[in-house]
Amino acid sequence: MLTEAEWQAILISLRVAGTAVGGILVPGVALAWLMARHEFRGKALLDGIVHLPLVLPPVVVGYLLLISLGRQGWLGQWLDAWFGVTLPFTWQGAAVAAGVMAFPLLVRAVRLSLEAVDVKLEAAASTLGANRWRVFFTITLPLALPGLLTGTVLAFARALSEFGATITFASNIPGETRTLPLALYTLIQTPGAEAAAARLCVLSIIIAMLSLLVSEWLARLARRRLRERDSQR
């Protein structure tokens, strides 16, 4: 059986991951659409910046967040002065860190799915009088739905497993920012807590596998429904 502290870590992880994905979903889809449908100067640079969290050490990302969103940071000062918002060492800060680390996975999955949508279908809808928003929500987005679902689930799984950026930016505070990976890290350092660490390790593997299976199932379900809708036409 899991202890109260372990359940607390799981619930914090779910809240942090859910908030992170909810925060990056709209900007992630918008950026993916921009990069899939438009060519512009600096596109390669923007693509590199978006994917930086995938190749940078997570601790570096956490440090950059700390110096920019901390109370003395260039953006953190403004958030504190105008809105009274302080992100470091809070669960909201942990969600920001998890969202930054998961953002590239979401953008990449959605972008690849959008690039696979036939632009001729969008052009045909436009010639029939549909405006850009209607084309996006009735043609583009439904056809890109498998990639969107896959990206969302993978981003959620990545946010659940985030460690380095979270501990650097939000610390490891019990009941506040101690997510599942941080709880496992704490148990590994605690003498006599090997059994508890093993439980959380197994639980982490189960959650990761479930996320991958759900991602594949949702993608297949979306593709099947799209094929059924096309056959009915």
Protein backbone atom coordinates (compact mmCIF):
# COMPACT_ATOMS: atom_id res chain seq x y z
CA MET A 1 0.00 0.00 0.00
CA LEU A 2 1.10 3.53 -0.71
CA THR A 3 1.64 5.91 2.17
CA GLU A 4 -0.06 9.28 2.53
CA ALA A 5 3.10 11.07 1.39
CA GLU A 6 3.30 8.89 -1.72
CA TRP A 7 -0.34 9.52 -2.60
CA GLN A 8 0.29 13.21 -2.07
CA ALA A 9 3.20 13.10 -4.51
CA ILE A 10 1.02 11.37 -7.09
CA LEU A 11 -1.79 13.92 -6.73
CA ILE A 12 0.66 16.82 -6.97
CA SER A 13 2.16 15.25 -10.10
CA LEU A 14 -1.26 14.93 -11.72
CA ARG A 15 -2.15 18.52 -10.86
CA VAL A 16 1.18 19.84 -12.11
CA ALA A 17 1.07 17.80 -15.34
CA GLY A 18 -2.57 18.66 -16.03
CA THR A 19 -1.96 22.37 -15.49
CA ALA A 20 1.18 22.26 -17.62
CA VAL A 21 -0.56 20.61 -20.58
CA GLY A 22 -3.58 22.89 -20.25
CA GLY A 23 -1.28 25.90 -20.36
CA ILE A 24 0.73 24.84 -23.42
CA LEU A 25 -2.06 23.31 -25.52
CA VAL A 26 -3.38 26.42 -27.28
CA PRO A 27 0.00 28.13 -27.88
CA GLY A 28 1.47 24.77 -28.90
CA VAL A 29 -1.21 24.15 -31.54
CA ALA A 30 -0.96 27.74 -32.77
CA LEU A 31 2.81 27.56 -33.12
CA ALA A 32 2.62 24.16 -34.81
CA TRP A 33 0.12 25.54 -37.34
CA LEU A 34 2.31 28.57 -37.99
CA MET A 35 5.36 26.45 -38.67
CA ALA A 36 3.46 23.88 -40.72
CA ARG A 37 1.65 26.34 -42.96
CA HIS A 38 3.99 29.32 -43.36
CA GLU A 39 7.52 30.02 -44.49
CA PHE A 40 9.18 33.07 -42.96
CA ARG A 41 12.58 34.46 -42.13
CA GLY A 42 13.92 33.03 -38.88
CA LYS A 43 11.78 29.88 -39.04
CA ALA A 44 14.79 27.60 -38.52
CA LEU A 45 15.88 29.69 -35.53
CA LEU A 46 12.39 29.55 -34.02
CA ASP A 47 12.29 25.79 -34.55
CA GLY A 48 15.63 25.46 -32.78
CA ILE A 49 14.47 27.56 -29.83
CA VAL A 50 11.28 25.50 -29.50
CA HIS A 51 13.27 22.26 -29.39
CA LEU A 52 16.00 23.52 -27.06
CA PRO A 53 14.43 21.94 -23.95
CA LEU A 54 14.84 18.54 -25.60
CA VAL A 55 18.62 18.87 -25.89
CA LEU A 56 19.54 21.17 -23.00
CA PRO A 57 20.16 19.66 -19.57
CA PRO A 58 16.90 20.12 -17.62
CA VAL A 59 18.82 21.85 -14.84
CA VAL A 60 19.86 24.54 -17.33
CA VAL A 61 16.22 25.09 -18.27
CA GLY A 62 15.29 25.34 -14.59
CA TYR A 63 18.08 27.84 -13.97
CA LEU A 64 16.98 29.98 -16.92
CA LEU A 65 13.44 29.95 -15.54
CA LEU A 66 14.76 30.93 -12.12
CA ILE A 67 16.72 33.95 -13.35
CA SER A 68 13.88 35.11 -15.61
CA LEU A 69 10.78 34.32 -13.52
CA GLY A 70 12.26 34.71 -10.04
CA ARG A 71 11.37 37.76 -7.98
CA GLN A 72 14.53 39.48 -9.18
CA GLY A 73 14.16 38.24 -12.76
CA TRP A 74 13.29 40.53 -15.63
CA LEU A 75 9.84 38.95 -16.02
CA GLY A 76 9.36 37.79 -12.43
CA GLN A 77 9.69 41.34 -11.11
CA TRP A 78 6.88 42.47 -13.40
CA LEU A 79 4.62 39.54 -12.45
CA ASP A 80 5.20 40.20 -8.75
CA ALA A 81 4.70 43.96 -8.97
CA TRP A 82 1.60 43.95 -11.17
CA PHE A 83 -0.19 40.73 -10.27
CA GLY A 84 1.41 39.58 -7.02
CA VAL A 85 2.38 36.30 -8.72
CA THR A 86 5.47 34.46 -7.47
CA LEU A 87 6.25 31.26 -9.34
CA PRO A 88 9.51 29.86 -7.87
CA PHE A 89 9.07 27.24 -5.14
CA THR A 90 5.33 26.81 -5.81
CA TRP A 91 3.36 24.07 -7.55
CA GLN A 92 2.45 26.61 -10.22
CA GLY A 93 6.16 27.07 -10.84
CA ALA A 94 6.54 23.31 -11.10
CA ALA A 95 3.78 23.37 -13.73
CA VAL A 96 5.62 26.08 -15.67
CA ALA A 97 8.83 24.03 -15.61
CA ALA A 98 6.99 20.88 -16.70
CA GLY A 99 5.18 22.79 -19.43
CA VAL A 100 8.40 24.19 -20.85
CA MET A 101 9.96 20.74 -20.98
CA ALA A 102 6.86 19.15 -22.55
CA PHE A 103 6.21 21.95 -25.06
CA PRO A 104 8.51 20.64 -27.84
CA LEU A 105 6.86 17.21 -27.82
CA LEU A 106 3.43 18.73 -28.28
CA VAL A 107 4.52 21.13 -31.01
CA ARG A 108 6.40 18.48 -32.96
CA ALA A 109 3.57 15.93 -32.90
CA VAL A 110 0.94 18.48 -33.93
CA ARG A 111 3.16 20.02 -36.60
CA LEU A 112 3.84 16.66 -38.26
CA SER A 113 0.12 15.91 -38.21
CA LEU A 114 -0.75 19.30 -39.72
CA GLU A 115 1.85 18.88 -42.45
CA ALA A 116 0.17 15.61 -43.42
CA VAL A 117 -3.18 17.37 -44.02
CA ASP A 118 -3.79 17.99 -47.73
CA VAL A 119 -3.79 21.76 -48.28
CA LYS A 120 -6.04 21.23 -51.31
CA LEU A 121 -8.88 20.36 -48.93
CA GLU A 122 -8.36 23.64 -47.10
CA ALA A 123 -8.23 25.53 -50.42
CA ALA A 124 -11.46 23.87 -51.58
CA ALA A 125 -13.23 24.88 -48.38
CA SER A 126 -11.99 28.45 -48.80
CA THR A 127 -13.30 28.64 -52.36
CA LEU A 128 -16.73 27.58 -51.06
CA GLY A 129 -16.80 30.61 -48.77
CA ALA A 130 -15.41 29.28 -45.49
CA ASN A 131 -13.23 31.77 -43.63
CA ARG A 132 -9.84 30.88 -42.20
CA TRP A 133 -11.17 30.02 -38.72
CA ARG A 134 -13.92 27.80 -40.08
CA VAL A 135 -11.47 25.99 -42.34
CA PHE A 136 -9.17 25.38 -39.38
CA PHE A 137 -11.85 24.07 -37.02
CA THR A 138 -13.86 22.03 -39.56
CA ILE A 139 -11.13 20.72 -41.89
CA THR A 140 -7.60 21.12 -40.55
CA LEU A 141 -8.07 20.35 -36.87
CA PRO A 142 -10.25 17.22 -37.31
CA LEU A 143 -7.79 15.76 -39.82
CA ALA A 144 -4.88 16.54 -37.51
CA LEU A 145 -6.70 15.14 -34.45
CA PRO A 146 -4.61 11.93 -34.15
CA GLY A 147 -1.41 13.97 -33.91
CA LEU A 148 -3.02 16.39 -31.47
CA LEU A 149 -4.14 13.58 -29.18
CA THR A 150 -0.76 11.87 -29.38
CA GLY A 151 1.10 15.10 -28.65
CA THR A 152 -1.17 15.94 -25.73
CA VAL A 153 -0.75 12.55 -24.06
CA LEU A 154 3.01 12.49 -24.64
CA ALA A 155 3.30 16.02 -23.25
CA PHE A 156 1.31 14.95 -20.20
CA ALA A 157 3.60 11.95 -19.68
CA ARG A 158 6.68 14.16 -20.08
CA ALA A 159 5.30 16.64 -17.56
CA LEU A 160 4.64 13.82 -15.10
CA SER A 161 8.23 12.64 -15.32
CA GLU A 162 9.95 16.02 -15.20
CA PHE A 163 12.70 16.26 -12.58
CA GLY A 164 15.69 18.52 -13.28
CA ALA A 165 13.92 21.74 -14.25
CA THR A 166 11.34 21.25 -11.50
CA ILE A 167 13.80 20.76 -8.64
CA THR A 168 15.88 23.73 -9.84
CA PHE A 169 12.98 26.15 -10.30
CA ALA A 170 10.41 24.91 -7.78
CA SER A 171 12.59 22.96 -5.33
CA ASN A 172 11.50 19.77 -3.53
CA ILE A 173 8.93 20.96 -0.99
CA PRO A 174 6.71 18.26 0.57
CA GLY A 175 3.04 18.85 -0.10
CA GLU A 176 3.77 21.69 -2.54
CA THR A 177 6.25 20.79 -5.28
CA ARG A 178 7.32 17.23 -4.44
CA THR A 179 6.12 15.41 -7.51
CA LEU A 180 6.50 11.69 -8.14
CA PRO A 181 10.08 11.89 -9.51
CA LEU A 182 11.13 14.15 -6.63
CA ALA A 183 9.52 11.84 -4.09
CA LEU A 184 11.44 8.92 -5.61
CA TYR A 185 14.67 10.94 -5.46
CA THR A 186 14.01 11.72 -1.79
CA LEU A 187 13.36 8.07 -0.95
CA ILE A 188 16.54 6.95 -2.71
CA GLN A 189 18.49 9.25 -0.40
CA THR A 190 16.66 8.05 2.71
CA PRO A 191 18.18 5.04 4.54
CA GLY A 192 15.75 2.13 4.88
CA ALA A 193 13.32 3.47 2.26
CA GLU A 194 14.27 1.02 -0.47
CA ALA A 195 10.86 -0.65 -0.52
CA ALA A 196 9.03 2.66 -0.87
CA ALA A 197 11.43 3.73 -3.61
CA ALA A 198 10.79 0.47 -5.45
CA ARG A 199 7.01 1.02 -5.22
CA LEU A 200 7.27 4.49 -6.74
CA CYS A 201 9.65 3.21 -9.40
CA VAL A 202 7.17 0.52 -10.46
CA LEU A 203 4.34 3.03 -10.32
CA SER A 204 6.28 5.43 -12.56
CA ILE A 205 6.84 2.67 -15.12
CA ILE A 206 3.15 1.76 -15.07
CA ILE A 207 2.06 5.38 -15.57
CA ALA A 208 4.53 5.83 -18.43
CA MET A 209 3.37 2.65 -20.17
CA LEU A 210 -0.28 3.57 -19.71
CA SER A 211 0.39 7.00 -21.23
CA LEU A 212 2.00 5.45 -24.30
CA LEU A 213 -0.81 2.92 -24.70
CA VAL A 214 -3.50 5.57 -24.30
CA SER A 215 -1.71 7.78 -26.83
CA GLU A 216 -1.64 4.97 -29.40
CA TRP A 217 -5.25 3.98 -28.69
CA LEU A 218 -6.55 7.54 -29.06
CA ALA A 219 -4.61 8.04 -32.29
CA ARG A 220 -5.99 4.83 -33.78
CA LEU A 221 -9.52 5.69 -32.64
CA ALA A 222 -9.30 9.13 -34.24
CA ARG A 223 -7.95 7.71 -37.51
CA ARG A 224 -10.71 5.08 -37.61
CA ARG A 225 -13.44 7.67 -37.07
CA LEU A 226 -11.96 9.86 -39.79
CA ARG A 227 -11.98 6.92 -42.21
CA GLU A 228 -15.59 6.10 -41.28
CA ARG A 229 -16.64 9.70 -41.83
CA ASP A 230 -14.89 9.77 -45.22
CA SER A 231 -16.55 6.50 -46.28
CA GLN A 232 -19.99 7.89 -45.36
CA ARG A 233 -19.42 10.76 -47.74
